[in-house]
Amino acid sequence: MCLVSKSCEAAKLSRAMYYRWLEQEPFKQAVKESKQSIKDFGEDALYDLIKDKNSSAILFYNKTKNKDRGYIEKTEQSVEHKGDNQLKVVIERVNPDGDKTTA
C-alpha cells in the first residue's frame, strides 16, 4: 500500500503538489510526524501479539531488538576457490553500538 497515493487521493491532491509541499518545512514536519505515528501503530500491534504469546512475534522482536543478547540468525557460507590467484574474504560485523570489527 502506498500511503502517499492514498493520502493524495483522499485529499484530492496531485502527487506533484504533495512533493512540492514536502519541500516546505511545516508540511515536511507534519509528514515526518505522521510517519512516526504509523511506526508507533505497527509497534503497538507487535506488542499486542507478544502479549498474546504469538511465537512468531516474540522471535521477530528478539531477532531485531535483542541481537546483543544472542538472538541473531547466523548464515553459513562455503567458498571454494580454484586457481593460482589468492582469495581474500573479509567478514565485517557491525555491533549494536555501531562499531565495526573485522574478522
PDB file of N, CA and C in Angstrom:
ATOM      1  N   MET A   1       0.846  -1.184   0.000  1.00  0.00           N
ATOM      2  CA  MET A   1       0.000   0.000   0.000  1.00  0.00           C
ATOM      3  C   MET A   1       0.889   1.245   0.000  1.00  0.00           C
ATOM      4  N   CYS A   2       0.593   2.176  -0.852  1.00  0.00           N
ATOM      5  CA  CYS A   2       1.363   3.414  -0.928  1.00  0.00           C
ATOM      6  C   CYS A   2       0.594   4.502  -0.197  1.00  0.00           C
ATOM      7  N   LEU A   3       1.101   4.955   0.917  1.00  0.00           N
ATOM      8  CA  LEU A   3       0.402   5.952   1.708  1.00  0.00           C
ATOM      9  C   LEU A   3       0.327   7.300   1.006  1.00  0.00           C
ATOM     10  N   VAL A   4       1.323   7.636   0.219  1.00  0.00           N
ATOM     11  CA  VAL A   4       1.294   8.911  -0.495  1.00  0.00           C
ATOM     12  C   VAL A   4       0.128   8.922  -1.474  1.00  0.00           C
ATOM     13  N   SER A   5      -0.023   7.863  -2.250  1.00  0.00           N
ATOM     14  CA  SER A   5      -1.114   7.799  -3.219  1.00  0.00           C
ATOM     15  C   SER A   5      -2.472   7.871  -2.538  1.00  0.00           C
ATOM     16  N   LYS A   6      -2.642   7.086  -1.478  1.00  0.00           N
ATOM     17  CA  LYS A   6      -3.928   7.075  -0.758  1.00  0.00           C
ATOM     18  C   LYS A   6      -4.211   8.437  -0.130  1.00  0.00           C
ATOM     19  N   SER A   7      -3.181   9.045   0.444  1.00  0.00           N
ATOM     20  CA  SER A   7      -3.366  10.350   1.077  1.00  0.00           C
ATOM     21  C   SER A   7      -3.728  11.416   0.049  1.00  0.00           C
ATOM     22  N   CYS A   8      -3.033  11.412  -1.081  1.00  0.00           N
ATOM     23  CA  CYS A   8      -3.324  12.386  -2.138  1.00  0.00           C
ATOM     24  C   CYS A   8      -4.731  12.193  -2.686  1.00  0.00           C
ATOM     25  N   GLU A   9      -5.117  10.941  -2.856  1.00  0.00           N
ATOM     26  CA  GLU A   9      -6.457  10.636  -3.359  1.00  0.00           C
ATOM     27  C   GLU A   9      -7.520  11.138  -2.382  1.00  0.00           C
ATOM     28  N   ALA A  10      -7.315  10.883  -1.101  1.00  0.00           N
ATOM     29  CA  ALA A  10      -8.292  11.305  -0.090  1.00  0.00           C
ATOM     30  C   ALA A  10      -8.394  12.827  -0.003  1.00  0.00           C
ATOM     31  N   ALA A  11      -7.262  13.517  -0.205  1.00  0.00           N
ATOM     32  CA  ALA A  11      -7.242  14.975  -0.110  1.00  0.00           C
ATOM     33  C   ALA A  11      -7.503  15.656  -1.446  1.00  0.00           C
ATOM     34  N   LYS A  12      -7.731  14.838  -2.502  1.00  0.00           N
ATOM     35  CA  LYS A  12      -7.925  15.379  -3.851  1.00  0.00           C
ATOM     36  C   LYS A  12      -6.755  16.301  -4.224  1.00  0.00           C
ATOM     37  N   LEU A  13      -5.561  15.748  -4.054  1.00  0.00           N
ATOM     38  CA  LEU A  13      -4.322  16.474  -4.267  1.00  0.00           C
ATOM     39  C   LEU A  13      -3.440  15.668  -5.209  1.00  0.00           C
ATOM     40  N   SER A  14      -2.782  16.326  -6.120  1.00  0.00           N
ATOM     41  CA  SER A  14      -1.897  15.601  -7.032  1.00  0.00           C
ATOM     42  C   SER A  14      -0.605  15.234  -6.300  1.00  0.00           C
ATOM     43  N   ARG A  15       0.026  14.159  -6.778  1.00  0.00           N
ATOM     44  CA  ARG A  15       1.306  13.757  -6.186  1.00  0.00           C
ATOM     45  C   ARG A  15       2.353  14.849  -6.392  1.00  0.00           C
ATOM     46  N   ALA A  16       2.299  15.525  -7.528  1.00  0.00           N
ATOM     47  CA  ALA A  16       3.257  16.598  -7.808  1.00  0.00           C
ATOM     48  C   ALA A  16       3.130  17.711  -6.757  1.00  0.00           C
ATOM     49  N   MET A  17       1.888  18.062  -6.426  1.00  0.00           N
ATOM     50  CA  MET A  17       1.670  19.100  -5.419  1.00  0.00           C
ATOM     51  C   MET A  17       2.164  18.626  -4.055  1.00  0.00           C
ATOM     52  N   TYR A  18       1.907  17.356  -3.741  1.00  0.00           N
ATOM     53  CA  TYR A  18       2.376  16.782  -2.476  1.00  0.00           C
ATOM     54  C   TYR A  18       3.891  16.956  -2.364  1.00  0.00           C
ATOM     55  N   TYR A  19       4.637  16.598  -3.411  1.00  0.00           N
ATOM     56  CA  TYR A  19       6.088  16.684  -3.360  1.00  0.00           C
ATOM     57  C   TYR A  19       6.591  18.131  -3.356  1.00  0.00           C
ATOM     58  N   ARG A  20       5.841  19.042  -3.956  1.00  0.00           N
ATOM     59  CA  ARG A  20       6.206  20.464  -3.853  1.00  0.00           C
ATOM     60  C   ARG A  20       6.024  20.938  -2.419  1.00  0.00           C
ATOM     61  N   TRP A  21       4.893  20.566  -1.810  1.00  0.00           N
ATOM     62  CA  TRP A  21       4.640  20.960  -0.424  1.00  0.00           C
ATOM     63  C   TRP A  21       5.655  20.328   0.515  1.00  0.00           C
ATOM     64  N   LEU A  22       6.128  19.133   0.163  1.00  0.00           N
ATOM     65  CA  LEU A  22       7.081  18.422   1.019  1.00  0.00           C
ATOM     66  C   LEU A  22       8.392  19.202   1.164  1.00  0.00           C
ATOM     67  N   GLU A  23       8.652  20.120   0.258  1.00  0.00           N
ATOM     68  CA  GLU A  23       9.844  20.960   0.353  1.00  0.00           C
ATOM     69  C   GLU A  23       9.663  22.082   1.380  1.00  0.00           C
ATOM     70  N   GLN A  24       8.415  22.339   1.795  1.00  0.00           N
ATOM     71  CA  GLN A  24       8.124  23.395   2.767  1.00  0.00           C
ATOM     72  C   GLN A  24       8.186  22.806   4.182  1.00  0.00           C
ATOM     73  N   GLU A  25       8.898  23.468   5.084  1.00  0.00           N
ATOM     74  CA  GLU A  25       9.164  22.920   6.410  1.00  0.00           C
ATOM     75  C   GLU A  25       7.919  22.543   7.232  1.00  0.00           C
ATOM     76  N   PRO A  26       6.881  23.382   7.328  1.00  0.00           N
ATOM     77  CA  PRO A  26       5.751  22.943   8.166  1.00  0.00           C
ATOM     78  C   PRO A  26       5.115  21.644   7.653  1.00  0.00           C
ATOM     79  N   PHE A  27       4.964  21.529   6.345  1.00  0.00           N
ATOM     80  CA  PHE A  27       4.362  20.319   5.761  1.00  0.00           C
ATOM     81  C   PHE A  27       5.309  19.132   5.924  1.00  0.00           C
ATOM     82  N   LYS A  28       6.585  19.375   5.693  1.00  0.00           N
ATOM     83  CA  LYS A  28       7.598  18.328   5.815  1.00  0.00           C
ATOM     84  C   LYS A  28       7.584  17.746   7.232  1.00  0.00           C
ATOM     85  N   GLN A  29       7.502  18.613   8.243  1.00  0.00           N
ATOM     86  CA  GLN A  29       7.476  18.169   9.640  1.00  0.00           C
ATOM     87  C   GLN A  29       6.196  17.379   9.938  1.00  0.00           C
ATOM     88  N   ALA A  30       5.074  17.816   9.392  1.00  0.00           N
ATOM     89  CA  ALA A  30       3.810  17.104   9.609  1.00  0.00           C
ATOM     90  C   ALA A  30       3.865  15.700   9.007  1.00  0.00           C
ATOM     91  N   VAL A  31       4.469  15.573   7.835  1.00  0.00           N
ATOM     92  CA  VAL A  31       4.611  14.260   7.186  1.00  0.00           C
ATOM     93  C   VAL A  31       5.524  13.373   8.027  1.00  0.00           C
ATOM     94  N   LYS A  32       6.599  13.945   8.530  1.00  0.00           N
ATOM     95  CA  LYS A  32       7.528  13.182   9.375  1.00  0.00           C
ATOM     96  C   LYS A  32       6.817  12.669  10.630  1.00  0.00           C
ATOM     97  N   GLU A  33       6.039  13.510  11.267  1.00  0.00           N
ATOM     98  CA  GLU A  33       5.293  13.105  12.462  1.00  0.00           C
ATOM     99  C   GLU A  33       4.264  12.027  12.128  1.00  0.00           C
ATOM    100  N   SER A  34       3.639  12.151  10.968  1.00  0.00           N
ATOM    101  CA  SER A  34       2.661  11.151  10.535  1.00  0.00           C
ATOM    102  C   SER A  34       3.325   9.789  10.335  1.00  0.00           C
ATOM    103  N   LYS A  35       4.513   9.795   9.730  1.00  0.00           N
ATOM    104  CA  LYS A  35       5.240   8.539   9.521  1.00  0.00           C
ATOM    105  C   LYS A  35       5.631   7.907  10.854  1.00  0.00           C
ATOM    106  N   GLN A  36       5.995   8.735  11.826  1.00  0.00           N
ATOM    107  CA  GLN A  36       6.324   8.211  13.157  1.00  0.00           C
ATOM    108  C   GLN A  36       5.091   7.591  13.813  1.00  0.00           C
ATOM    109  N   SER A  37       3.930   8.203  13.610  1.00  0.00           N
ATOM    110  CA  SER A  37       2.679   7.658  14.164  1.00  0.00           C
ATOM    111  C   SER A  37       2.371   6.290  13.571  1.00  0.00           C
ATOM    112  N   ILE A  38       2.634   6.133  12.280  1.00  0.00           N
ATOM    113  CA  ILE A  38       2.411   4.843  11.618  1.00  0.00           C
ATOM    114  C   ILE A  38       3.354   3.793  12.197  1.00  0.00           C
ATOM    115  N   LYS A  39       4.614   4.177  12.439  1.00  0.00           N
ATOM    116  CA  LYS A  39       5.563   3.252  13.063  1.00  0.00           C
ATOM    117  C   LYS A  39       5.092   2.868  14.456  1.00  0.00           C
ATOM    118  N   ASP A  40       4.584   3.844  15.220  1.00  0.00           N
ATOM    119  CA  ASP A  40       4.059   3.568  16.558  1.00  0.00           C
ATOM    120  C   ASP A  40       2.905   2.575  16.492  1.00  0.00           C
ATOM    121  N   PHE A  41       2.040   2.750  15.501  1.00  0.00           N
ATOM    122  CA  PHE A  41       0.901   1.851  15.313  1.00  0.00           C
ATOM    123  C   PHE A  41       1.385   0.416  15.086  1.00  0.00           C
ATOM    124  N   GLY A  42       2.403   0.263  14.230  1.00  0.00           N
ATOM    125  CA  GLY A  42       2.961  -1.062  13.957  1.00  0.00           C
ATOM    126  C   GLY A  42       3.598  -1.677  15.190  1.00  0.00           C
ATOM    127  N   GLU A  43       4.334  -0.870  15.960  1.00  0.00           N
ATOM    128  CA  GLU A  43       4.952  -1.385  17.184  1.00  0.00           C
ATOM    129  C   GLU A  43       3.894  -1.777  18.208  1.00  0.00           C
ATOM    130  N   ASP A  44       2.852  -0.981  18.328  1.00  0.00           N
ATOM    131  CA  ASP A  44       1.773  -1.320  19.258  1.00  0.00           C
ATOM    132  C   ASP A  44       1.138  -2.659  18.890  1.00  0.00           C
ATOM    133  N   ALA A  45       0.921  -2.867  17.585  1.00  0.00           N
ATOM    134  CA  ALA A  45       0.342  -4.135  17.129  1.00  0.00           C
ATOM    135  C   ALA A  45       1.282  -5.297  17.432  1.00  0.00           C
ATOM    136  N   LEU A  46       2.581  -5.079  17.247  1.00  0.00           N
ATOM    137  CA  LEU A  46       3.561  -6.121  17.556  1.00  0.00           C
ATOM    138  C   LEU A  46       3.539  -6.449  19.047  1.00  0.00           C
ATOM    139  N   TYR A  47       3.503  -5.433  19.884  1.00  0.00           N
ATOM    140  CA  TYR A  47       3.469  -5.663  21.329  1.00  0.00           C
ATOM    141  C   TYR A  47       2.201  -6.413  21.741  1.00  0.00           C
ATOM    142  N   ASP A  48       1.082  -6.109  21.091  1.00  0.00           N
ATOM    143  CA  ASP A  48      -0.156  -6.843  21.381  1.00  0.00           C
ATOM    144  C   ASP A  48       0.008  -8.324  21.049  1.00  0.00           C
ATOM    145  N   LEU A  49       0.650  -8.623  19.925  1.00  0.00           N
ATOM    146  CA  LEU A  49       0.891 -10.018  19.551  1.00  0.00           C
ATOM    147  C   LEU A  49       1.820 -10.703  20.555  1.00  0.00           C
ATOM    148  N   ILE A  50       2.827  -9.974  21.022  1.00  0.00           N
ATOM    149  CA  ILE A  50       3.743 -10.532  22.010  1.00  0.00           C
ATOM    150  C   ILE A  50       2.997 -10.835  23.305  1.00  0.00           C
ATOM    151  N   LYS A  51       2.121  -9.913  23.723  1.00  0.00           N
ATOM    152  CA  LYS A  51       1.318 -10.138  24.944  1.00  0.00           C
ATOM    153  C   LYS A  51       0.435 -11.370  24.805  1.00  0.00           C
ATOM    154  N   ASP A  52      -0.017 -11.630  23.567  1.00  0.00           N
ATOM    155  CA  ASP A  52      -0.865 -12.801  23.304  1.00  0.00           C
ATOM    156  C   ASP A  52      -0.038 -14.079  23.123  1.00  0.00           C
ATOM    157  N   LYS A  53       1.266 -13.992  23.390  1.00  0.00           N
ATOM    158  CA  LYS A  53       2.181 -15.148  23.299  1.00  0.00           C
ATOM    159  C   LYS A  53       2.327 -15.676  21.873  1.00  0.00           C
ATOM    160  N   ASN A  54       2.244 -14.792  20.886  1.00  0.00           N
ATOM    161  CA  ASN A  54       2.435 -15.178  19.499  1.00  0.00           C
ATOM    162  C   ASN A  54       3.925 -15.453  19.287  1.00  0.00           C
ATOM    163  N   SER A  55       4.280 -16.706  19.050  1.00  0.00           N
ATOM    164  CA  SER A  55       5.695 -17.084  18.994  1.00  0.00           C
ATOM    165  C   SER A  55       6.435 -16.391  17.845  1.00  0.00           C
ATOM    166  N   SER A  56       5.795 -16.205  16.709  1.00  0.00           N
ATOM    167  CA  SER A  56       6.452 -15.522  15.589  1.00  0.00           C
ATOM    168  C   SER A  56       6.788 -14.080  15.961  1.00  0.00           C
ATOM    169  N   ALA A  57       5.872 -13.403  16.628  1.00  0.00           N
ATOM    170  CA  ALA A  57       6.099 -12.017  17.044  1.00  0.00           C
ATOM    171  C   ALA A  57       7.216 -11.947  18.077  1.00  0.00           C
ATOM    172  N   ILE A  58       7.234 -12.902  18.993  1.00  0.00           N
ATOM    173  CA  ILE A  58       8.275 -12.936  20.023  1.00  0.00           C
ATOM    174  C   ILE A  58       9.645 -13.142  19.380  1.00  0.00           C
ATOM    175  N   LEU A  59       9.730 -14.093  18.448  1.00  0.00           N
ATOM    176  CA  LEU A  59      11.001 -14.342  17.763  1.00  0.00           C
ATOM    177  C   LEU A  59      11.440 -13.121  16.956  1.00  0.00           C
ATOM    178  N   PHE A  60      10.505 -12.525  16.224  1.00  0.00           N
ATOM    179  CA  PHE A  60      10.829 -11.347  15.426  1.00  0.00           C
ATOM    180  C   PHE A  60      11.375 -10.240  16.311  1.00  0.00           C
ATOM    181  N   TYR A  61      10.694  -9.980  17.413  1.00  0.00           N
ATOM    182  CA  TYR A  61      11.125  -8.922  18.324  1.00  0.00           C
ATOM    183  C   TYR A  61      12.538  -9.195  18.833  1.00  0.00           C
ATOM    184  N   ASN A  62      12.765 -10.414  19.293  1.00  0.00           N
ATOM    185  CA  ASN A  62      14.083 -10.745  19.835  1.00  0.00           C
ATOM    186  C   ASN A  62      15.180 -10.665  18.779  1.00  0.00           C
ATOM    187  N   LYS A  63      14.896 -11.103  17.559  1.00  0.00           N
ATOM    188  CA  LYS A  63      15.902 -11.063  16.496  1.00  0.00           C
ATOM    189  C   LYS A  63      16.228  -9.634  16.068  1.00  0.00           C
ATOM    190  N   THR A  64      15.294  -8.714  16.239  1.00  0.00           N
ATOM    191  CA  THR A  64      15.544  -7.343  15.807  1.00  0.00           C
ATOM    192  C   THR A  64      15.983  -6.429  16.944  1.00  0.00           C
ATOM    193  N   LYS A  65      15.517  -6.690  18.150  1.00  0.00           N
ATOM    194  CA  LYS A  65      15.826  -5.792  19.264  1.00  0.00           C
ATOM    195  C   LYS A  65      16.843  -6.355  20.248  1.00  0.00           C
ATOM    196  N   ASN A  66      17.047  -7.653  20.251  1.00  0.00           N
ATOM    197  CA  ASN A  66      17.925  -8.270  21.253  1.00  0.00           C
ATOM    198  C   ASN A  66      19.100  -9.015  20.628  1.00  0.00           C
ATOM    199  N   LYS A  67      19.625  -8.480  19.542  1.00  0.00           N
ATOM    200  CA  LYS A  67      20.785  -9.102  18.895  1.00  0.00           C
ATOM    201  C   LYS A  67      21.969  -9.161  19.853  1.00  0.00           C
ATOM    202  N   ASP A  68      22.089  -8.143  20.704  1.00  0.00           N
ATOM    203  CA  ASP A  68      23.208  -8.099  21.645  1.00  0.00           C
ATOM    204  C   ASP A  68      23.115  -9.192  22.713  1.00  0.00           C
ATOM    205  N   ARG A  69      21.977  -9.840  22.797  1.00  0.00           N
ATOM    206  CA  ARG A  69      21.780 -10.928  23.765  1.00  0.00           C
ATOM    207  C   ARG A  69      21.844 -12.297  23.093  1.00  0.00           C
ATOM    208  N   GLY A  70      22.247 -12.319  21.834  1.00  0.00           N
ATOM    209  CA  GLY A  70      22.431 -13.580  21.142  1.00  0.00           C
ATOM    210  C   GLY A  70      21.277 -14.007  20.264  1.00  0.00           C
ATOM    211  N   TYR A  71      20.230 -13.197  20.188  1.00  0.00           N
ATOM    212  CA  TYR A  71      19.092 -13.544  19.326  1.00  0.00           C
ATOM    213  C   TYR A  71      19.387 -13.075  17.912  1.00  0.00           C
ATOM    214  N   ILE A  72      20.193 -13.844  17.218  1.00  0.00           N
ATOM    215  CA  ILE A  72      20.582 -13.464  15.869  1.00  0.00           C
ATOM    216  C   ILE A  72      20.699 -14.728  15.031  1.00  0.00           C
ATOM    217  N   GLU A  73      20.246 -14.628  13.815  1.00  0.00           N
ATOM    218  CA  GLU A  73      20.395 -15.767  12.915  1.00  0.00           C
ATOM    219  C   GLU A  73      21.768 -15.695  12.285  1.00  0.00           C
ATOM    220  N   LYS A  74      22.407 -16.821  12.202  1.00  0.00           N
ATOM    221  CA  LYS A  74      23.726 -16.878  11.601  1.00  0.00           C
ATOM    222  C   LYS A  74      23.613 -17.545  10.246  1.00  0.00           C
ATOM    223  N   THR A  75      24.355 -17.032   9.310  1.00  0.00           N
ATOM    224  CA  THR A  75      24.362 -17.571   7.958  1.00  0.00           C
ATOM    225  C   THR A  75      25.710 -18.224   7.716  1.00  0.00           C
ATOM    226  N   GLU A  76      25.655 -19.429   7.232  1.00  0.00           N
ATOM    227  CA  GLU A  76      26.893 -20.118   6.885  1.00  0.00           C
ATOM    228  C   GLU A  76      27.064 -20.073   5.379  1.00  0.00           C
ATOM    229  N   GLN A  77      28.280 -19.783   4.952  1.00  0.00           N
ATOM    230  CA  GLN A  77      28.573 -19.755   3.523  1.00  0.00           C
ATOM    231  C   GLN A  77      29.833 -20.558   3.279  1.00  0.00           C
ATOM    232  N   SER A  78      29.832 -21.249   2.188  1.00  0.00           N
ATOM    233  CA  SER A  78      31.014 -22.012   1.829  1.00  0.00           C
ATOM    234  C   SER A  78      31.600 -21.383   0.576  1.00  0.00           C
ATOM    235  N   VAL A  79      32.903 -21.164   0.596  1.00  0.00           N
ATOM    236  CA  VAL A  79      33.583 -20.525  -0.525  1.00  0.00           C
ATOM    237  C   VAL A  79      34.626 -21.495  -1.052  1.00  0.00           C
ATOM    238  N   GLU A  80      34.575 -21.727  -2.331  1.00  0.00           N
ATOM    239  CA  GLU A  80      35.554 -22.616  -2.960  1.00  0.00           C
ATOM    240  C   GLU A  80      36.341 -21.789  -3.966  1.00  0.00           C
ATOM    241  N   HIS A  81      37.643 -21.954  -3.934  1.00  0.00           N
ATOM    242  CA  HIS A  81      38.489 -21.178  -4.845  1.00  0.00           C
ATOM    243  C   HIS A  81      39.440 -22.124  -5.578  1.00  0.00           C
ATOM    244  N   LYS A  82      39.479 -21.994  -6.857  1.00  0.00           N
ATOM    245  CA  LYS A  82      40.404 -22.786  -7.667  1.00  0.00           C
ATOM    246  C   LYS A  82      41.244 -21.822  -8.488  1.00  0.00           C
ATOM    247  N   GLY A  83      42.524 -22.098  -8.584  1.00  0.00           N
ATOM    248  CA  GLY A  83      43.385 -21.248  -9.396  1.00  0.00           C
ATOM    249  C   GLY A  83      44.576 -20.762  -8.616  1.00  0.00           C
ATOM    250  N   ASP A  84      45.401 -19.995  -9.306  1.00  0.00           N
ATOM    251  CA  ASP A  84      46.638 -19.515  -8.701  1.00  0.00           C
ATOM    252  C   ASP A  84      46.457 -18.216  -7.912  1.00  0.00           C
ATOM    253  N   ASN A  85      45.430 -17.458  -8.210  1.00  0.00           N
ATOM    254  CA  ASN A  85      45.215 -16.185  -7.531  1.00  0.00           C
ATOM    255  C   ASN A  85      44.775 -16.412  -6.095  1.00  0.00           C
ATOM    256  N   GLN A  86      45.167 -15.486  -5.230  1.00  0.00           N
ATOM    257  CA  GLN A  86      44.752 -15.578  -3.840  1.00  0.00           C
ATOM    258  C   GLN A  86      43.322 -15.077  -3.704  1.00  0.00           C
ATOM    259  N   LEU A  87      42.634 -15.652  -2.768  1.00  0.00           N
ATOM    260  CA  LEU A  87      41.267 -15.229  -2.465  1.00  0.00           C
ATOM    261  C   LEU A  87      41.275 -14.644  -1.070  1.00  0.00           C
ATOM    262  N   LYS A  88      40.785 -13.429  -0.924  1.00  0.00           N
ATOM    263  CA  LYS A  88      40.721 -12.782   0.382  1.00  0.00           C
ATOM    264  C   LYS A  88      39.264 -12.552   0.729  1.00  0.00           C
ATOM    265  N   VAL A  89      38.865 -13.054   1.881  1.00  0.00           N
ATOM    266  CA  VAL A  89      37.495 -12.878   2.356  1.00  0.00           C
ATOM    267  C   VAL A  89      37.551 -12.024   3.608  1.00  0.00           C
ATOM    268  N   VAL A  90      36.820 -10.939   3.607  1.00  0.00           N
ATOM    269  CA  VAL A  90      36.753 -10.058   4.767  1.00  0.00           C
ATOM    270  C   VAL A  90      35.336 -10.124   5.318  1.00  0.00           C
ATOM    271  N   ILE A  91      35.245 -10.444   6.584  1.00  0.00           N
ATOM    272  CA  ILE A  91      33.935 -10.503   7.243  1.00  0.00           C
ATOM    273  C   ILE A  91      33.879  -9.353   8.225  1.00  0.00           C
ATOM    274  N   GLU A  92      32.871  -8.520   8.066  1.00  0.00           N
ATOM    275  CA  GLU A  92      32.727  -7.362   8.923  1.00  0.00           C
ATOM    276  C   GLU A  92      31.479  -7.541   9.765  1.00  0.00           C
ATOM    277  N   ARG A  93      31.623  -7.364  11.058  1.00  0.00           N
ATOM    278  CA  ARG A  93      30.490  -7.488  11.973  1.00  0.00           C
ATOM    279  C   ARG A  93      30.195  -6.107  12.519  1.00  0.00           C
ATOM    280  N   VAL A  94      28.942  -5.707  12.447  1.00  0.00           N
ATOM    281  CA  VAL A  94      28.530  -4.425  12.996  1.00  0.00           C
ATOM    282  C   VAL A  94      27.871  -4.703  14.329  1.00  0.00           C
ATOM    283  N   ASN A  95      28.472  -4.195  15.394  1.00  0.00           N
ATOM    284  CA  ASN A  95      27.942  -4.388  16.736  1.00  0.00           C
ATOM    285  C   ASN A  95      26.727  -3.489  16.948  1.00  0.00           C
ATOM    286  N   PRO A  96      25.867  -3.805  17.930  1.00  0.00           N
ATOM    287  CA  PRO A  96      24.674  -2.981  18.183  1.00  0.00           C
ATOM    288  C   PRO A  96      24.996  -1.514  18.449  1.00  0.00           C
ATOM    289  N   ASP A  97      26.195  -1.221  18.974  1.00  0.00           N
ATOM    290  CA  ASP A  97      26.542   0.167  19.234  1.00  0.00           C
ATOM    291  C   ASP A  97      27.085   0.892  18.000  1.00  0.00           C
ATOM    292  N   GLY A  98      27.135   0.168  16.863  1.00  0.00           N
ATOM    293  CA  GLY A  98      27.567   0.787  15.616  1.00  0.00           C
ATOM    294  C   GLY A  98      29.026   0.571  15.288  1.00  0.00           C
ATOM    295  N   ASP A  99      29.812   0.060  16.258  1.00  0.00           N
ATOM    296  CA  ASP A  99      31.230  -0.209  15.983  1.00  0.00           C
ATOM    297  C   ASP A  99      31.365  -1.390  15.048  1.00  0.00           C
ATOM    298  N   LYS A 100      32.395  -1.347  14.201  1.00  0.00           N
ATOM    299  CA  LYS A 100      32.635  -2.436  13.255  1.00  0.00           C
ATOM    300  C   LYS A 100      33.893  -3.174  13.668  1.00  0.00           C
ATOM    301  N   THR A 101      33.839  -4.496  13.551  1.00  0.00           N
ATOM    302  CA  THR A 101      35.025  -5.298  13.779  1.00  0.00           C
ATOM    303  C   THR A 101      35.218  -6.177  12.559  1.00  0.00           C
ATOM    304  N   THR A 102      36.451  -6.451  12.217  1.00  0.00           N
ATOM    305  CA  THR A 102      36.763  -7.285  11.055  1.00  0.00           C
ATOM    306  C   THR A 102      37.393  -8.569  11.530  1.00  0.00           C
ATOM    307  N   ALA A 103      36.888  -9.677  10.998  1.00  0.00           N
ATOM    308  CA  ALA A 103      37.441 -10.987  11.373  1.00  0.00           C
ATOM    309  C   ALA A 103      38.406 -11.451  10.319  1.00  0.00           C
TER     310      ALA A 103
END
